[in-house]
C-alpha cells in the first residue's frame, strides 16, 4: 500500500528515482484495482465510464512512477515509448525489473 500512496503523493514529481519495491507495490495494487473496476463494469453492464475515470486519475502517478523507475535503472525516461511497438510492453516490464544503478555523482562524496 505504501507504493500506491507514494505514487499519488509524488504524482507531479518526474525527477528523482523510484525504488523497484515501491514501483511493483504500486503496480500490484493498480492491477487489482483495475480488475475490480472492470468487474464492476461487466457486472453492471456499464459503458466504461468508471474505467475511464480511474484511468484518468491514475495516469499521472503511473507516468511519474515509470519515469522515475526508468531513471533508477539508468535509462532515459523516453524508454516508456517502447510500449508503442509490438512486444514493447514485455520489454518495459523487463526494464522495470532491472536492479537500481548507482550514478557516478552518487559515488563521489
C-alpha atoms as a PDB file:
ATOM      1  CA  UNK A   1       0.000   0.000   0.000  1.00  0.00           C
ATOM      2  CA  UNK A   2       2.975   2.311   0.592  1.00  0.00           C
ATOM      3  CA  UNK A   3       3.879   2.235  -3.092  1.00  0.00           C
ATOM      4  CA  UNK A   4       0.368   3.204  -4.149  1.00  0.00           C
ATOM      5  CA  UNK A   5       0.179   6.125  -1.732  1.00  0.00           C
ATOM      6  CA  UNK A   6       3.723   7.159  -2.664  1.00  0.00           C
ATOM      7  CA  UNK A   7       2.715   7.302  -6.336  1.00  0.00           C
ATOM      8  CA  UNK A   8      -0.149   9.693  -5.641  1.00  0.00           C
ATOM      9  CA  UNK A   9       1.866  11.866  -3.239  1.00  0.00           C
ATOM     10  CA  UNK A  10       4.592  12.249  -5.884  1.00  0.00           C
ATOM     11  CA  UNK A  11       2.392  12.242  -8.990  1.00  0.00           C
ATOM     12  CA  UNK A  12       3.818  15.522 -10.283  1.00  0.00           C
ATOM     13  CA  UNK A  13       7.461  14.747  -9.457  1.00  0.00           C
ATOM     14  CA  UNK A  14       9.141  13.434 -12.581  1.00  0.00           C
ATOM     15  CA  UNK A  15      12.677  13.954 -11.278  1.00  0.00           C
ATOM     16  CA  UNK A  16      14.491  11.633  -8.935  1.00  0.00           C
ATOM     17  CA  UNK A  17      14.230   7.881  -8.639  1.00  0.00           C
ATOM     18  CA  UNK A  18      11.737   5.253  -7.521  1.00  0.00           C
ATOM     19  CA  UNK A  19      12.899   2.010  -5.964  1.00  0.00           C
ATOM     20  CA  UNK A  20      11.887  -1.256  -7.548  1.00  0.00           C
ATOM     21  CA  UNK A  21       9.888  -2.321  -4.474  1.00  0.00           C
ATOM     22  CA  UNK A  22       7.749   0.842  -4.455  1.00  0.00           C
ATOM     23  CA  UNK A  23       7.109   0.583  -8.180  1.00  0.00           C
ATOM     24  CA  UNK A  24       5.945  -3.040  -8.004  1.00  0.00           C
ATOM     25  CA  UNK A  25       3.799  -2.345  -4.921  1.00  0.00           C
ATOM     26  CA  UNK A  26       2.084   0.393  -6.909  1.00  0.00           C
ATOM     27  CA  UNK A  27       1.637  -1.869  -9.937  1.00  0.00           C
ATOM     28  CA  UNK A  28       0.181  -4.741  -7.899  1.00  0.00           C
ATOM     29  CA  UNK A  29      -2.436  -2.556  -6.232  1.00  0.00           C
ATOM     30  CA  UNK A  30      -3.120  -0.747  -9.519  1.00  0.00           C
ATOM     31  CA  UNK A  31      -3.742  -4.051 -11.325  1.00  0.00           C
ATOM     32  CA  UNK A  32      -6.014  -5.310  -8.543  1.00  0.00           C
ATOM     33  CA  UNK A  33      -7.965  -2.033  -8.559  1.00  0.00           C
ATOM     34  CA  UNK A  34      -8.205  -2.121 -12.369  1.00  0.00           C
ATOM     35  CA  UNK A  35      -9.526  -5.675 -12.252  1.00  0.00           C
ATOM     36  CA  UNK A  36     -12.100  -4.587  -9.668  1.00  0.00           C
ATOM     37  CA  UNK A  37     -13.207  -1.660 -11.826  1.00  0.00           C
ATOM     38  CA  UNK A  38     -13.546  -3.917 -14.872  1.00  0.00           C
ATOM     39  CA  UNK A  39     -15.505  -6.464 -12.817  1.00  0.00           C
ATOM     40  CA  UNK A  40     -17.939  -3.769 -11.658  1.00  0.00           C
ATOM     41  CA  UNK A  41     -18.375  -2.536 -15.227  1.00  0.00           C
ATOM     42  CA  UNK A  42     -19.094  -6.022 -16.566  1.00  0.00           C
ATOM     43  CA  UNK A  43     -21.435  -6.881 -13.688  1.00  0.00           C
ATOM     44  CA  UNK A  44     -23.455  -3.693 -14.118  1.00  0.00           C
ATOM     45  CA  UNK A  45     -23.392  -3.519 -17.940  1.00  0.00           C
ATOM     46  CA  UNK A  46     -21.704  -0.157 -17.627  1.00  0.00           C
ATOM     47  CA  UNK A  47     -20.477   1.674 -20.725  1.00  0.00           C
ATOM     48  CA  UNK A  48     -16.932   2.089 -19.455  1.00  0.00           C
ATOM     49  CA  UNK A  49     -17.004   5.481 -17.825  1.00  0.00           C
ATOM     50  CA  UNK A  50     -15.807   4.127 -14.462  1.00  0.00           C
ATOM     51  CA  UNK A  51     -12.714   2.656 -16.106  1.00  0.00           C
ATOM     52  CA  UNK A  52     -12.152   5.914 -17.970  1.00  0.00           C
ATOM     53  CA  UNK A  53     -12.320   7.918 -14.739  1.00  0.00           C
ATOM     54  CA  UNK A  54      -9.986   5.505 -12.913  1.00  0.00           C
ATOM     55  CA  UNK A  55      -7.530   5.591 -15.822  1.00  0.00           C
ATOM     56  CA  UNK A  56      -7.570   9.390 -15.865  1.00  0.00           C
ATOM     57  CA  UNK A  57      -6.965   9.549 -12.109  1.00  0.00           C
ATOM     58  CA  UNK A  58      -4.014   7.142 -12.261  1.00  0.00           C
ATOM     59  CA  UNK A  59      -2.411   8.461 -15.474  1.00  0.00           C
ATOM     60  CA  UNK A  60      -0.029  10.979 -13.879  1.00  0.00           C
ATOM     61  CA  UNK A  61       1.009   8.735 -10.968  1.00  0.00           C
ATOM     62  CA  UNK A  62       1.694   5.923 -13.472  1.00  0.00           C
ATOM     63  CA  UNK A  63       3.764   8.128 -15.784  1.00  0.00           C
ATOM     64  CA  UNK A  64       5.771   9.627 -12.936  1.00  0.00           C
ATOM     65  CA  UNK A  65       6.464   6.207 -11.414  1.00  0.00           C
ATOM     66  CA  UNK A  66       7.553   4.856 -14.811  1.00  0.00           C
ATOM     67  CA  UNK A  67       9.784   7.859 -15.423  1.00  0.00           C
ATOM     68  CA  UNK A  68      11.466   7.679 -12.021  1.00  0.00           C
ATOM     69  CA  UNK A  69      11.828   3.888 -12.191  1.00  0.00           C
ATOM     70  CA  UNK A  70      13.475   4.087 -15.629  1.00  0.00           C
ATOM     71  CA  UNK A  71      15.855   6.715 -14.267  1.00  0.00           C
ATOM     72  CA  UNK A  72      16.594   4.417 -11.315  1.00  0.00           C
ATOM     73  CA  UNK A  73      17.703   1.704 -13.745  1.00  0.00           C
ATOM     74  CA  UNK A  74      19.998   4.160 -15.517  1.00  0.00           C
ATOM     75  CA  UNK A  75      17.801   4.657 -18.586  1.00  0.00           C
ATOM     76  CA  UNK A  76      16.184   7.711 -20.122  1.00  0.00           C
ATOM     77  CA  UNK A  77      12.542   8.439 -19.380  1.00  0.00           C
ATOM     78  CA  UNK A  78      11.828   8.188 -23.101  1.00  0.00           C
ATOM     79  CA  UNK A  79      12.141   4.402 -22.913  1.00  0.00           C
ATOM     80  CA  UNK A  80       8.477   4.298 -21.861  1.00  0.00           C
ATOM     81  CA  UNK A  81       7.643   4.922 -25.536  1.00  0.00           C
ATOM     82  CA  UNK A  82       8.739   1.324 -26.229  1.00  0.00           C
ATOM     83  CA  UNK A  83       5.131   0.315 -25.499  1.00  0.00           C
ATOM     84  CA  UNK A  84       4.196   1.733 -28.915  1.00  0.00           C
ATOM     85  CA  UNK A  85       5.964  -1.095 -30.766  1.00  0.00           C
ATOM     86  CA  UNK A  86       4.846  -4.743 -30.823  1.00  0.00           C
ATOM     87  CA  UNK A  87       6.272  -6.561 -27.818  1.00  0.00           C
ATOM     88  CA  UNK A  88       7.184  -3.276 -26.179  1.00  0.00           C
ATOM     89  CA  UNK A  89       5.139  -3.899 -23.050  1.00  0.00           C
ATOM     90  CA  UNK A  90       7.148  -7.071 -22.352  1.00  0.00           C
ATOM     91  CA  UNK A  91      10.382  -5.118 -22.816  1.00  0.00           C
ATOM     92  CA  UNK A  92       9.156  -2.395 -20.455  1.00  0.00           C
ATOM     93  CA  UNK A  93       8.228  -4.972 -17.798  1.00  0.00           C
ATOM     94  CA  UNK A  94      11.741  -6.410 -18.117  1.00  0.00           C
ATOM     95  CA  UNK A  95      13.280  -2.933 -17.763  1.00  0.00           C
ATOM     96  CA  UNK A  96      11.176  -2.228 -14.669  1.00  0.00           C
ATOM     97  CA  UNK A  97      12.510  -5.420 -13.081  1.00  0.00           C
ATOM     98  CA  UNK A  98      16.164  -4.411 -13.518  1.00  0.00           C
ATOM     99  CA  UNK A  99      18.078  -3.564 -10.350  1.00  0.00           C
ATOM    100  CA  UNK A 100      18.847   0.018  -9.428  1.00  0.00           C
ATOM    101  CA  UNK A 101      22.042   1.606 -10.652  1.00  0.00           C
ATOM    102  CA  UNK A 102      24.333   3.956  -8.806  1.00  0.00           C
ATOM    103  CA  UNK A 103      25.363   7.056 -10.729  1.00  0.00           C
ATOM    104  CA  UNK A 104      28.919   8.348 -10.701  1.00  0.00           C
ATOM    105  CA  UNK A 105      27.840  11.511  -8.845  1.00  0.00           C
ATOM    106  CA  UNK A 106      26.381   9.407  -6.031  1.00  0.00           C
ATOM    107  CA  UNK A 107      29.677   7.578  -5.603  1.00  0.00           C
ATOM    108  CA  UNK A 108      31.732  10.731  -5.055  1.00  0.00           C
ATOM    109  CA  UNK A 109      31.398  12.432  -1.718  1.00  0.00           C
END
